[in-house]
Amino acid sequence: MSAIASVTFGRVCAARAASAAAVLLASLTIAPAAEYGALATFEGLPKAPIAATDLGGAPLSIAADPGRVTLVHFFASWCEPCVTELPELSRFAEERRDRVRFVGVNVAEPAVRAQKFAARFALPGPVALDENKSIASAFRVRGLPATVLIAPGGATSLAAAGPLHWNSAETARAIDGLARSNKKPQGEQP
């Protein structure tokens, strides 16, 4: 190969590589940061309450609340969709505090990091520390963020893998329906 052919070939290869890199970069910046999940029926509730420890070291039981939906939300500080979702989730749960009991679960992080992360958000309930992933495992969580909603009394539940649109009408309807699902009609005796 002559010197001119070699230089021309090198320029063509470099131009193709630059073009391929530009296409790849464009696809990465256009792609969404996370796919949003949807609530679906969940059949994997633990049979007994889960004994945990909150970020302050106090005992915490993760179980159905007799009068409210229990919202169990799994997250970690390194999870970018978790960071994005938590402010909207916190507002949602706070606005429905009379109907929703929030329990956060910080997964696979040391206590100090979990405490610093939780302090960044106005979480409307306790946060359990799950350093060894035993709580996440009991709820069959495979990725973060994840949410499990338990109806009052615990007979039915919904779950979502991935972040949710907490201010959507569909999410509000699903949770309101879950709140009503275990309530007996007025006048009915137990």
N, C-alpha and C. Protein backbone atom coordinates (compact mmCIF):
# COMPACT_ATOMS: atom_id res chain seq x y z
N MET A 1 0.86 -1.17 0.00
CA MET A 1 0.00 0.00 0.00
C MET A 1 0.90 1.22 0.00
N SER A 2 0.57 2.19 -0.88
CA SER A 2 1.37 3.40 -0.96
C SER A 2 1.09 4.28 0.24
N ALA A 3 1.96 5.25 0.47
CA ALA A 3 1.81 6.18 1.60
C ALA A 3 0.53 6.99 1.45
N ILE A 4 0.17 7.41 0.22
CA ILE A 4 -1.04 8.20 0.00
C ILE A 4 -2.27 7.34 0.28
N ALA A 5 -2.27 6.09 -0.19
CA ALA A 5 -3.40 5.20 0.05
C ALA A 5 -3.55 4.92 1.53
N SER A 6 -2.44 4.77 2.23
CA SER A 6 -2.46 4.51 3.66
C SER A 6 -3.07 5.68 4.43
N VAL A 7 -2.67 6.92 4.07
CA VAL A 7 -3.21 8.11 4.72
C VAL A 7 -4.70 8.24 4.42
N THR A 8 -5.09 8.02 3.16
CA THR A 8 -6.51 8.11 2.78
C THR A 8 -7.32 7.07 3.52
N PHE A 9 -6.82 5.81 3.59
CA PHE A 9 -7.51 4.75 4.30
C PHE A 9 -7.67 5.11 5.79
N GLY A 10 -6.62 5.66 6.36
CA GLY A 10 -6.66 6.07 7.78
C GLY A 10 -7.70 7.16 8.02
N ARG A 11 -7.80 8.12 7.12
CA ARG A 11 -8.79 9.19 7.26
C ARG A 11 -10.20 8.65 7.14
N VAL A 12 -10.44 7.73 6.21
CA VAL A 12 -11.76 7.13 6.03
C VAL A 12 -12.15 6.37 7.30
N CYS A 13 -11.24 5.58 7.84
CA CYS A 13 -11.51 4.81 9.06
C CYS A 13 -11.80 5.76 10.23
N ALA A 14 -11.02 6.81 10.35
CA ALA A 14 -11.22 7.78 11.44
C ALA A 14 -12.57 8.47 11.29
N ALA A 15 -12.94 8.83 10.08
CA ALA A 15 -14.23 9.49 9.83
C ALA A 15 -15.38 8.55 10.17
N ARG A 16 -15.26 7.26 9.78
CA ARG A 16 -16.31 6.30 10.11
C ARG A 16 -16.41 6.09 11.62
N ALA A 17 -15.28 6.01 12.29
CA ALA A 17 -15.28 5.83 13.75
C ALA A 17 -15.91 7.03 14.43
N ALA A 18 -15.58 8.24 13.97
CA ALA A 18 -16.17 9.45 14.55
C ALA A 18 -17.67 9.49 14.32
N SER A 19 -18.11 9.08 13.12
CA SER A 19 -19.53 9.06 12.81
C SER A 19 -20.26 8.05 13.69
N ALA A 20 -19.68 6.87 13.86
CA ALA A 20 -20.28 5.84 14.72
C ALA A 20 -20.34 6.32 16.16
N ALA A 21 -19.31 6.98 16.64
CA ALA A 21 -19.28 7.49 18.01
C ALA A 21 -20.35 8.56 18.20
N ALA A 22 -20.55 9.42 17.20
CA ALA A 22 -21.57 10.46 17.30
C ALA A 22 -22.97 9.86 17.36
N VAL A 23 -23.22 8.81 16.58
CA VAL A 23 -24.52 8.14 16.60
C VAL A 23 -24.75 7.50 17.96
N LEU A 24 -23.73 6.82 18.49
CA LEU A 24 -23.84 6.18 19.79
C LEU A 24 -24.09 7.21 20.88
N LEU A 25 -23.36 8.31 20.87
CA LEU A 25 -23.54 9.36 21.87
C LEU A 25 -24.95 9.95 21.80
N ALA A 26 -25.44 10.18 20.58
CA ALA A 26 -26.79 10.73 20.42
C ALA A 26 -27.83 9.77 20.99
N SER A 27 -27.65 8.47 20.76
CA SER A 27 -28.63 7.51 21.27
C SER A 27 -28.60 7.45 22.79
N LEU A 28 -27.45 7.65 23.40
CA LEU A 28 -27.36 7.62 24.86
C LEU A 28 -27.98 8.86 25.49
N THR A 29 -27.84 10.01 24.88
CA THR A 29 -28.40 11.22 25.47
C THR A 29 -29.89 11.33 25.22
N ILE A 30 -30.40 10.68 24.19
CA ILE A 30 -31.83 10.74 23.89
C ILE A 30 -32.59 9.69 24.70
N ALA A 31 -31.95 8.57 25.01
CA ALA A 31 -32.61 7.49 25.72
C ALA A 31 -33.07 7.96 27.09
N PRO A 32 -34.26 7.50 27.53
CA PRO A 32 -34.75 7.88 28.86
C PRO A 32 -33.86 7.29 29.94
N ALA A 33 -33.78 8.00 31.08
CA ALA A 33 -32.96 7.55 32.19
C ALA A 33 -33.51 6.26 32.80
N ALA A 34 -34.82 6.13 32.83
CA ALA A 34 -35.42 4.92 33.41
C ALA A 34 -36.81 4.72 32.82
N GLU A 35 -37.18 3.48 32.68
CA GLU A 35 -38.54 3.15 32.25
C GLU A 35 -39.43 3.25 33.49
N TYR A 36 -40.62 3.78 33.33
CA TYR A 36 -41.53 3.85 34.46
C TYR A 36 -42.32 2.56 34.55
N GLY A 37 -42.50 2.09 35.77
CA GLY A 37 -43.22 0.86 36.01
C GLY A 37 -44.71 1.09 36.10
N ALA A 38 -45.43 0.01 36.29
CA ALA A 38 -46.88 0.07 36.47
C ALA A 38 -47.23 -0.88 37.61
N LEU A 39 -48.26 -0.53 38.36
CA LEU A 39 -48.70 -1.38 39.45
C LEU A 39 -49.42 -2.60 38.90
N ALA A 40 -49.11 -3.75 39.48
CA ALA A 40 -49.75 -5.01 39.08
C ALA A 40 -49.99 -5.84 40.34
N THR A 41 -50.88 -6.81 40.25
CA THR A 41 -51.15 -7.69 41.38
C THR A 41 -49.87 -8.39 41.80
N PHE A 42 -49.67 -8.49 43.11
CA PHE A 42 -48.47 -9.09 43.66
C PHE A 42 -48.86 -10.25 44.56
N GLU A 43 -48.32 -11.43 44.30
CA GLU A 43 -48.68 -12.63 45.05
C GLU A 43 -47.59 -13.06 46.04
N GLY A 44 -46.53 -12.30 46.20
CA GLY A 44 -45.38 -12.77 46.98
C GLY A 44 -45.21 -12.18 48.37
N LEU A 45 -46.29 -11.76 49.01
CA LEU A 45 -46.14 -11.18 50.35
C LEU A 45 -45.60 -12.18 51.35
N PRO A 46 -44.67 -11.75 52.21
CA PRO A 46 -44.23 -12.63 53.29
C PRO A 46 -45.42 -13.00 54.18
N LYS A 47 -45.43 -14.22 54.69
CA LYS A 47 -46.55 -14.70 55.51
C LYS A 47 -46.60 -14.02 56.88
N ALA A 48 -45.46 -13.67 57.42
CA ALA A 48 -45.40 -13.05 58.75
C ALA A 48 -44.82 -11.65 58.63
N PRO A 49 -45.08 -10.80 59.61
CA PRO A 49 -44.45 -9.48 59.60
C PRO A 49 -42.92 -9.61 59.56
N ILE A 50 -42.28 -8.67 58.90
CA ILE A 50 -40.83 -8.65 58.82
C ILE A 50 -40.30 -7.76 59.94
N ALA A 51 -39.45 -8.33 60.78
CA ALA A 51 -38.81 -7.56 61.85
C ALA A 51 -37.59 -6.87 61.26
N ALA A 52 -37.52 -5.57 61.45
CA ALA A 52 -36.42 -4.79 60.91
C ALA A 52 -35.94 -3.79 61.96
N THR A 53 -34.93 -3.03 61.60
CA THR A 53 -34.42 -1.96 62.44
C THR A 53 -34.45 -0.68 61.62
N ASP A 54 -34.96 0.41 62.21
CA ASP A 54 -34.99 1.66 61.45
C ASP A 54 -33.61 2.33 61.51
N LEU A 55 -33.47 3.43 60.81
CA LEU A 55 -32.17 4.10 60.72
C LEU A 55 -31.66 4.62 62.06
N GLY A 56 -32.53 4.77 63.03
CA GLY A 56 -32.12 5.19 64.37
C GLY A 56 -31.82 4.02 65.28
N GLY A 57 -31.97 2.79 64.79
CA GLY A 57 -31.70 1.61 65.59
C GLY A 57 -32.91 1.05 66.32
N ALA A 58 -34.08 1.66 66.15
CA ALA A 58 -35.30 1.19 66.82
C ALA A 58 -35.92 0.03 66.04
N PRO A 59 -36.61 -0.88 66.75
CA PRO A 59 -37.29 -1.98 66.04
C PRO A 59 -38.43 -1.46 65.17
N LEU A 60 -38.64 -2.12 64.05
CA LEU A 60 -39.67 -1.72 63.09
C LEU A 60 -40.28 -2.99 62.51
N SER A 61 -41.60 -3.06 62.47
CA SER A 61 -42.28 -4.21 61.88
C SER A 61 -42.87 -3.79 60.53
N ILE A 62 -42.55 -4.58 59.50
CA ILE A 62 -43.11 -4.32 58.17
C ILE A 62 -44.21 -5.33 57.94
N ALA A 63 -45.44 -4.84 58.01
CA ALA A 63 -46.62 -5.70 57.87
C ALA A 63 -47.80 -4.84 57.46
N ALA A 64 -48.92 -5.51 57.16
CA ALA A 64 -50.14 -4.79 56.82
C ALA A 64 -50.61 -3.96 58.00
N ASP A 65 -51.13 -2.79 57.71
CA ASP A 65 -51.74 -1.92 58.71
C ASP A 65 -53.24 -2.20 58.65
N PRO A 66 -53.92 -2.33 59.78
CA PRO A 66 -55.34 -2.68 59.73
C PRO A 66 -56.23 -1.60 59.11
N GLY A 67 -55.81 -0.33 59.12
CA GLY A 67 -56.68 0.73 58.63
C GLY A 67 -56.18 1.49 57.42
N ARG A 68 -54.94 1.23 56.98
CA ARG A 68 -54.37 1.98 55.86
C ARG A 68 -53.61 1.06 54.92
N VAL A 69 -53.39 1.52 53.70
CA VAL A 69 -52.51 0.83 52.76
C VAL A 69 -51.08 1.01 53.28
N THR A 70 -50.32 -0.07 53.29
CA THR A 70 -48.91 0.02 53.66
C THR A 70 -48.09 0.08 52.38
N LEU A 71 -47.36 1.16 52.21
CA LEU A 71 -46.53 1.39 51.03
C LEU A 71 -45.09 1.09 51.44
N VAL A 72 -44.54 -0.02 50.95
CA VAL A 72 -43.16 -0.41 51.25
C VAL A 72 -42.33 -0.09 50.01
N HIS A 73 -41.40 0.85 50.16
CA HIS A 73 -40.63 1.32 49.01
C HIS A 73 -39.15 1.01 49.21
N PHE A 74 -38.55 0.31 48.25
CA PHE A 74 -37.15 -0.11 48.30
C PHE A 74 -36.30 0.83 47.44
N PHE A 75 -35.19 1.31 48.01
CA PHE A 75 -34.34 2.26 47.30
C PHE A 75 -32.91 2.20 47.82
N ALA A 76 -32.01 2.92 47.15
CA ALA A 76 -30.62 3.08 47.58
C ALA A 76 -30.09 4.40 47.04
N SER A 77 -29.06 4.92 47.69
CA SER A 77 -28.53 6.23 47.31
C SER A 77 -27.86 6.21 45.93
N TRP A 78 -27.32 5.08 45.51
CA TRP A 78 -26.63 4.98 44.23
C TRP A 78 -27.59 4.80 43.05
N CYS A 79 -28.86 4.60 43.34
CA CYS A 79 -29.88 4.33 42.31
C CYS A 79 -30.45 5.66 41.81
N GLU A 80 -30.06 6.06 40.60
CA GLU A 80 -30.49 7.35 40.04
C GLU A 80 -32.01 7.46 39.91
N PRO A 81 -32.72 6.43 39.42
CA PRO A 81 -34.18 6.54 39.38
C PRO A 81 -34.80 6.70 40.77
N CYS A 82 -34.16 6.12 41.79
CA CYS A 82 -34.65 6.28 43.17
C CYS A 82 -34.55 7.75 43.58
N VAL A 83 -33.41 8.35 43.29
CA VAL A 83 -33.19 9.75 43.65
C VAL A 83 -34.21 10.65 42.96
N THR A 84 -34.51 10.36 41.72
CA THR A 84 -35.48 11.14 40.94
C THR A 84 -36.89 10.95 41.46
N GLU A 85 -37.24 9.73 41.84
CA GLU A 85 -38.61 9.39 42.23
C GLU A 85 -38.97 9.81 43.66
N LEU A 86 -38.03 9.80 44.59
CA LEU A 86 -38.36 9.99 46.01
C LEU A 86 -39.08 11.31 46.36
N PRO A 87 -38.73 12.45 45.77
CA PRO A 87 -39.49 13.66 46.13
C PRO A 87 -40.98 13.55 45.79
N GLU A 88 -41.31 13.04 44.61
CA GLU A 88 -42.71 12.90 44.20
C GLU A 88 -43.42 11.86 45.07
N LEU A 89 -42.74 10.76 45.36
CA LEU A 89 -43.30 9.72 46.23
C LEU A 89 -43.55 10.27 47.63
N SER A 90 -42.63 11.04 48.15
CA SER A 90 -42.79 11.62 49.50
C SER A 90 -44.01 12.52 49.56
N ARG A 91 -44.19 13.37 48.55
CA ARG A 91 -45.37 14.25 48.51
C ARG A 91 -46.66 13.43 48.43
N PHE A 92 -46.65 12.41 47.59
CA PHE A 92 -47.82 11.54 47.42
C PHE A 92 -48.21 10.90 48.75
N ALA A 93 -47.25 10.29 49.43
CA ALA A 93 -47.55 9.59 50.69
C ALA A 93 -47.94 10.58 51.79
N GLU A 94 -47.32 11.74 51.81
CA GLU A 94 -47.66 12.74 52.82
C GLU A 94 -49.09 13.24 52.64
N GLU A 95 -49.49 13.48 51.41
CA GLU A 95 -50.85 13.95 51.12
C GLU A 95 -51.91 12.91 51.48
N ARG A 96 -51.51 11.64 51.54
CA ARG A 96 -52.45 10.55 51.83
C ARG A 96 -52.13 9.87 53.16
N ARG A 97 -51.48 10.59 54.04
CA ARG A 97 -51.03 10.02 55.31
C ARG A 97 -52.16 9.33 56.07
N ASP A 98 -53.38 9.82 55.95
CA ASP A 98 -54.52 9.21 56.65
C ASP A 98 -54.91 7.86 56.03
N ARG A 99 -54.51 7.61 54.78
CA ARG A 99 -54.87 6.36 54.08
C ARG A 99 -53.68 5.49 53.73
N VAL A 100 -52.45 6.05 53.83
CA VAL A 100 -51.24 5.33 53.42
C VAL A 100 -50.19 5.40 54.52
N ARG A 101 -49.66 4.23 54.91
CA ARG A 101 -48.54 4.14 55.84
C ARG A 101 -47.29 3.90 55.01
N PHE A 102 -46.34 4.82 55.06
CA PHE A 102 -45.10 4.70 54.30
C PHE A 102 -44.03 4.01 55.13
N VAL A 103 -43.36 3.02 54.52
CA VAL A 103 -42.19 2.39 55.12
C VAL A 103 -41.13 2.31 54.02
N GLY A 104 -40.04 3.02 54.20
CA GLY A 104 -38.94 2.95 53.25
C GLY A 104 -37.99 1.83 53.63
N VAL A 105 -37.30 1.27 52.65
CA VAL A 105 -36.30 0.24 52.90
C VAL A 105 -35.06 0.60 52.10
N ASN A 106 -34.00 0.99 52.81
CA ASN A 106 -32.73 1.29 52.15
C ASN A 106 -31.98 -0.03 52.00
N VAL A 107 -31.65 -0.39 50.75
CA VAL A 107 -31.11 -1.71 50.44
C VAL A 107 -29.60 -1.68 50.24
N ALA A 108 -28.91 -2.58 50.95
CA ALA A 108 -27.49 -2.90 50.73
C ALA A 108 -26.54 -1.73 50.92
N GLU A 109 -26.84 -0.86 51.87
CA GLU A 109 -25.93 0.23 52.15
C GLU A 109 -25.66 0.29 53.65
N PRO A 110 -24.48 0.76 54.04
CA PRO A 110 -24.20 0.89 55.47
C PRO A 110 -25.08 1.97 56.10
N ALA A 111 -25.27 1.87 57.40
CA ALA A 111 -26.17 2.77 58.13
C ALA A 111 -25.83 4.25 57.91
N VAL A 112 -24.58 4.60 57.95
CA VAL A 112 -24.20 6.02 57.82
C VAL A 112 -24.63 6.57 56.46
N ARG A 113 -24.38 5.83 55.40
CA ARG A 113 -24.77 6.28 54.05
C ARG A 113 -26.30 6.35 53.94
N ALA A 114 -26.99 5.36 54.47
CA ALA A 114 -28.46 5.33 54.42
C ALA A 114 -29.05 6.52 55.18
N GLN A 115 -28.48 6.85 56.33
CA GLN A 115 -28.96 7.98 57.13
C GLN A 115 -28.76 9.29 56.38
N LYS A 116 -27.59 9.49 55.78
CA LYS A 116 -27.32 10.72 55.03
C LYS A 116 -28.28 10.85 53.84
N PHE A 117 -28.51 9.74 53.15
CA PHE A 117 -29.40 9.76 52.00
C PHE A 117 -30.83 10.08 52.42
N ALA A 118 -31.32 9.41 53.45
CA ALA A 118 -32.70 9.64 53.92
C ALA A 118 -32.88 11.07 54.40
N ALA A 119 -31.85 11.68 54.95
CA ALA A 119 -31.94 13.05 55.45
C ALA A 119 -32.16 14.06 54.31
N ARG A 120 -31.79 13.70 53.09
CA ARG A 120 -31.99 14.59 51.93
C ARG A 120 -33.46 14.74 51.54
N PHE A 121 -34.30 13.78 51.94
CA PHE A 121 -35.69 13.75 51.52
C PHE A 121 -36.60 13.82 52.73
N ALA A 122 -37.76 14.40 52.55
CA ALA A 122 -38.75 14.47 53.64
C ALA A 122 -39.62 13.23 53.57
N LEU A 123 -39.04 12.10 53.93
CA LEU A 123 -39.78 10.84 53.85
C LEU A 123 -40.85 10.81 54.94
N PRO A 124 -42.07 10.45 54.58
CA PRO A 124 -43.20 10.56 55.51
C PRO A 124 -43.38 9.35 56.44
N GLY A 125 -42.32 8.62 56.70
CA GLY A 125 -42.42 7.47 57.59
C GLY A 125 -41.05 6.90 57.87
N PRO A 126 -41.01 5.81 58.62
CA PRO A 126 -39.72 5.22 58.98
C PRO A 126 -39.01 4.60 57.79
N VAL A 127 -37.70 4.46 57.93
CA VAL A 127 -36.88 3.81 56.90
C VAL A 127 -36.15 2.65 57.57
N ALA A 128 -36.34 1.46 57.04
CA ALA A 128 -35.65 0.27 57.54
C ALA A 128 -34.30 0.14 56.86
N LEU A 129 -33.35 -0.37 57.60
CA LEU A 129 -32.01 -0.62 57.07
C LEU A 129 -31.93 -2.08 56.66
N ASP A 130 -31.61 -2.33 55.39
CA ASP A 130 -31.55 -3.69 54.84
C ASP A 130 -30.17 -3.95 54.25
N GLU A 131 -29.15 -3.90 55.11
CA GLU A 131 -27.77 -4.04 54.65
C GLU A 131 -27.49 -5.37 53.97
N ASN A 132 -28.13 -6.44 54.43
CA ASN A 132 -27.86 -7.76 53.86
C ASN A 132 -28.91 -8.22 52.85
N LYS A 133 -29.82 -7.35 52.47
CA LYS A 133 -30.86 -7.59 51.45
C LYS A 133 -31.89 -8.64 51.87
N SER A 134 -32.02 -8.93 53.16
CA SER A 134 -32.98 -9.95 53.59
C SER A 134 -34.42 -9.47 53.44
N ILE A 135 -34.68 -8.19 53.67
CA ILE A 135 -36.04 -7.66 53.50
C ILE A 135 -36.39 -7.65 52.02
N ALA A 136 -35.49 -7.16 51.20
CA ALA A 136 -35.72 -7.16 49.75
C ALA A 136 -35.97 -8.58 49.24
N SER A 137 -35.22 -9.53 49.75
CA SER A 137 -35.39 -10.93 49.35
C SER A 137 -36.76 -11.47 49.79
N ALA A 138 -37.19 -11.12 51.00
CA ALA A 138 -38.48 -11.59 51.51
C ALA A 138 -39.64 -11.08 50.64
N PHE A 139 -39.48 -9.88 50.06
CA PHE A 139 -40.51 -9.29 49.19
C PHE A 139 -40.24 -9.57 47.71
N ARG A 140 -39.24 -10.41 47.43
CA ARG A 140 -38.88 -10.81 46.05
C ARG A 140 -38.48 -9.64 45.17
N VAL A 141 -37.82 -8.66 45.74
CA VAL A 141 -37.35 -7.49 44.98
C VAL A 141 -36.13 -7.91 44.18
N ARG A 142 -36.15 -7.58 42.88
CA ARG A 142 -35.05 -7.95 41.98
C ARG A 142 -34.25 -6.74 41.48
N GLY A 143 -34.79 -5.54 41.65
CA GLY A 143 -34.10 -4.33 41.20
C GLY A 143 -34.68 -3.12 41.92
N LEU A 144 -34.00 -2.01 41.79
CA LEU A 144 -34.43 -0.78 42.47
C LEU A 144 -34.73 0.31 41.45
N PRO A 145 -35.65 1.20 41.77
CA PRO A 145 -36.55 1.16 42.93
C PRO A 145 -37.63 0.10 42.74
N ALA A 146 -38.25 -0.28 43.83
CA ALA A 146 -39.37 -1.21 43.81
C ALA A 146 -40.35 -0.80 44.89
N THR A 147 -41.62 -1.05 44.64
CA THR A 147 -42.67 -0.67 45.58
C THR A 147 -43.64 -1.83 45.74
N VAL A 148 -44.02 -2.10 46.99
CA VAL A 148 -45.06 -3.07 47.29
C VAL A 148 -46.12 -2.35 48.10
N LEU A 149 -47.37 -2.47 47.68
CA LEU A 149 -48.51 -1.85 48.38
C LEU A 149 -49.36 -2.96 48.97
N ILE A 150 -49.58 -2.91 50.27
CA ILE A 150 -50.34 -3.94 50.96
C ILE A 150 -51.66 -3.34 51.42
N ALA A 151 -52.77 -3.97 51.05
CA ALA A 151 -54.10 -3.49 51.44
C ALA A 151 -54.27 -3.61 52.95
N PRO A 152 -55.17 -2.79 53.52
CA PRO A 152 -55.47 -2.94 54.95
C PRO A 152 -55.89 -4.39 55.23
N GLY A 153 -55.28 -4.99 56.23
CA GLY A 153 -55.58 -6.38 56.53
C GLY A 153 -54.69 -7.35 55.78
N GLY A 154 -54.07 -6.93 54.71
CA GLY A 154 -53.09 -7.75 54.01
C GLY A 154 -53.60 -8.79 53.04
N ALA A 155 -54.89 -8.79 52.71
CA ALA A 155 -55.42 -9.82 51.81
C ALA A 155 -54.98 -9.64 50.37
N THR A 156 -54.78 -8.42 49.92
CA THR A 156 -54.37 -8.18 48.54
C THR A 156 -53.19 -7.22 48.52
N SER A 157 -52.46 -7.24 47.42
CA SER A 157 -51.34 -6.32 47.30
C SER A 157 -51.04 -6.06 45.83
N LEU A 158 -50.36 -4.94 45.62
CA LEU A 158 -49.89 -4.54 44.29
C LEU A 158 -48.39 -4.29 44.40
N ALA A 159 -47.69 -4.35 43.27
CA ALA A 159 -46.26 -4.07 43.27
C ALA A 159 -45.87 -3.45 41.95
N ALA A 160 -44.74 -2.75 41.99
CA ALA A 160 -44.17 -2.18 40.77
C ALA A 160 -42.66 -2.32 40.83
N ALA A 161 -42.07 -2.72 39.72
CA ALA A 161 -40.63 -2.74 39.58
C ALA A 161 -40.27 -1.51 38.76
N GLY A 162 -39.41 -0.68 39.31
CA GLY A 162 -39.04 0.56 38.64
C GLY A 162 -39.80 1.72 39.24
N PRO A 163 -39.45 2.93 38.82
CA PRO A 163 -40.12 4.10 39.36
C PRO A 163 -41.56 4.21 38.87
N LEU A 164 -42.38 4.88 39.65
CA LEU A 164 -43.77 5.12 39.28
C LEU A 164 -44.00 6.62 39.10
N HIS A 165 -45.02 6.95 38.34
CA HIS A 165 -45.49 8.34 38.27
C HIS A 165 -46.47 8.50 39.43
N TRP A 166 -45.98 8.99 40.57
CA TRP A 166 -46.80 9.08 41.78
C TRP A 166 -47.89 10.12 41.68
N ASN A 167 -47.76 11.09 40.80
CA ASN A 167 -48.81 12.10 40.68
C ASN A 167 -49.81 11.78 39.57
N SER A 168 -49.76 10.54 39.04
CA SER A 168 -50.70 10.18 37.97
C SER A 168 -52.04 9.74 38.55
N ALA A 169 -53.09 9.94 37.78
CA ALA A 169 -54.43 9.54 38.19
C ALA A 169 -54.52 8.01 38.32
N GLU A 170 -53.80 7.27 37.46
CA GLU A 170 -53.84 5.81 37.52
C GLU A 170 -53.27 5.29 38.84
N THR A 171 -52.17 5.87 39.28
CA THR A 171 -51.56 5.45 40.55
C THR A 171 -52.49 5.76 41.71
N ALA A 172 -53.07 6.94 41.72
CA ALA A 172 -53.99 7.32 42.80
C ALA A 172 -55.21 6.40 42.82
N ARG A 173 -55.77 6.08 41.64
CA ARG A 173 -56.93 5.17 41.57
C ARG A 173 -56.58 3.78 42.08
N ALA A 174 -55.42 3.29 41.70
CA ALA A 174 -55.01 1.94 42.13
C ALA A 174 -54.87 1.87 43.64
N ILE A 175 -54.27 2.88 44.23
CA ILE A 175 -54.07 2.87 45.68
C ILE A 175 -55.39 3.11 46.41
N ASP A 176 -56.21 4.00 45.91
CA ASP A 176 -57.53 4.21 46.53
C ASP A 176 -58.37 2.95 46.45
N GLY A 177 -58.30 2.24 45.33
CA GLY A 177 -59.03 0.98 45.19
C GLY A 177 -58.51 -0.08 46.16
N LEU A 178 -57.21 -0.12 46.33
CA LEU A 178 -56.61 -1.05 47.27
C LEU A 178 -57.05 -0.72 48.70
N ALA A 179 -57.15 0.56 49.01
CA ALA A 179 -57.58 0.99 50.35
C ALA A 179 -59.00 0.52 50.63
N ARG A 180 -59.85 0.52 49.61
CA ARG A 180 -61.25 0.10 49.77
C ARG A 180 -61.42 -1.42 49.69
N SER A 181 -60.46 -2.13 49.14
CA SER A 181 -60.63 -3.55 48.83
C SER A 181 -60.88 -4.43 50.04
N ASN A 182 -60.38 -4.09 51.19
CA ASN A 182 -60.54 -4.94 52.37
C ASN A 182 -61.51 -4.37 53.38
N LYS A 183 -62.21 -3.31 53.03
CA LYS A 183 -63.17 -2.71 53.96
C LYS A 183 -64.53 -3.34 53.75
N LYS A 184 -65.18 -3.68 54.84
CA LYS A 184 -66.51 -4.28 54.76
C LYS A 184 -67.55 -3.18 54.60
N PRO A 185 -68.64 -3.46 53.85
CA PRO A 185 -69.69 -2.46 53.69
C PRO A 185 -70.29 -2.12 55.05
N GLN A 186 -70.79 -0.88 55.18
CA GLN A 186 -71.39 -0.44 56.44
C GLN A 186 -72.52 -1.37 56.84
N GLY A 187 -72.58 -1.69 58.12
CA GLY A 187 -73.63 -2.53 58.64
C GLY A 187 -73.30 -4.01 58.64
N GLU A 188 -72.26 -4.43 57.90
CA GLU A 188 -71.90 -5.83 57.85
C GLU A 188 -71.11 -6.19 59.10
N GLN A 189 -71.44 -7.28 59.72
CA GLN A 189 -70.76 -7.73 60.93
C GLN A 189 -69.60 -8.63 60.54
N PRO A 190 -68.52 -8.57 61.34
CA PRO A 190 -67.36 -9.43 61.04
C PRO A 190 -67.67 -10.90 61.24
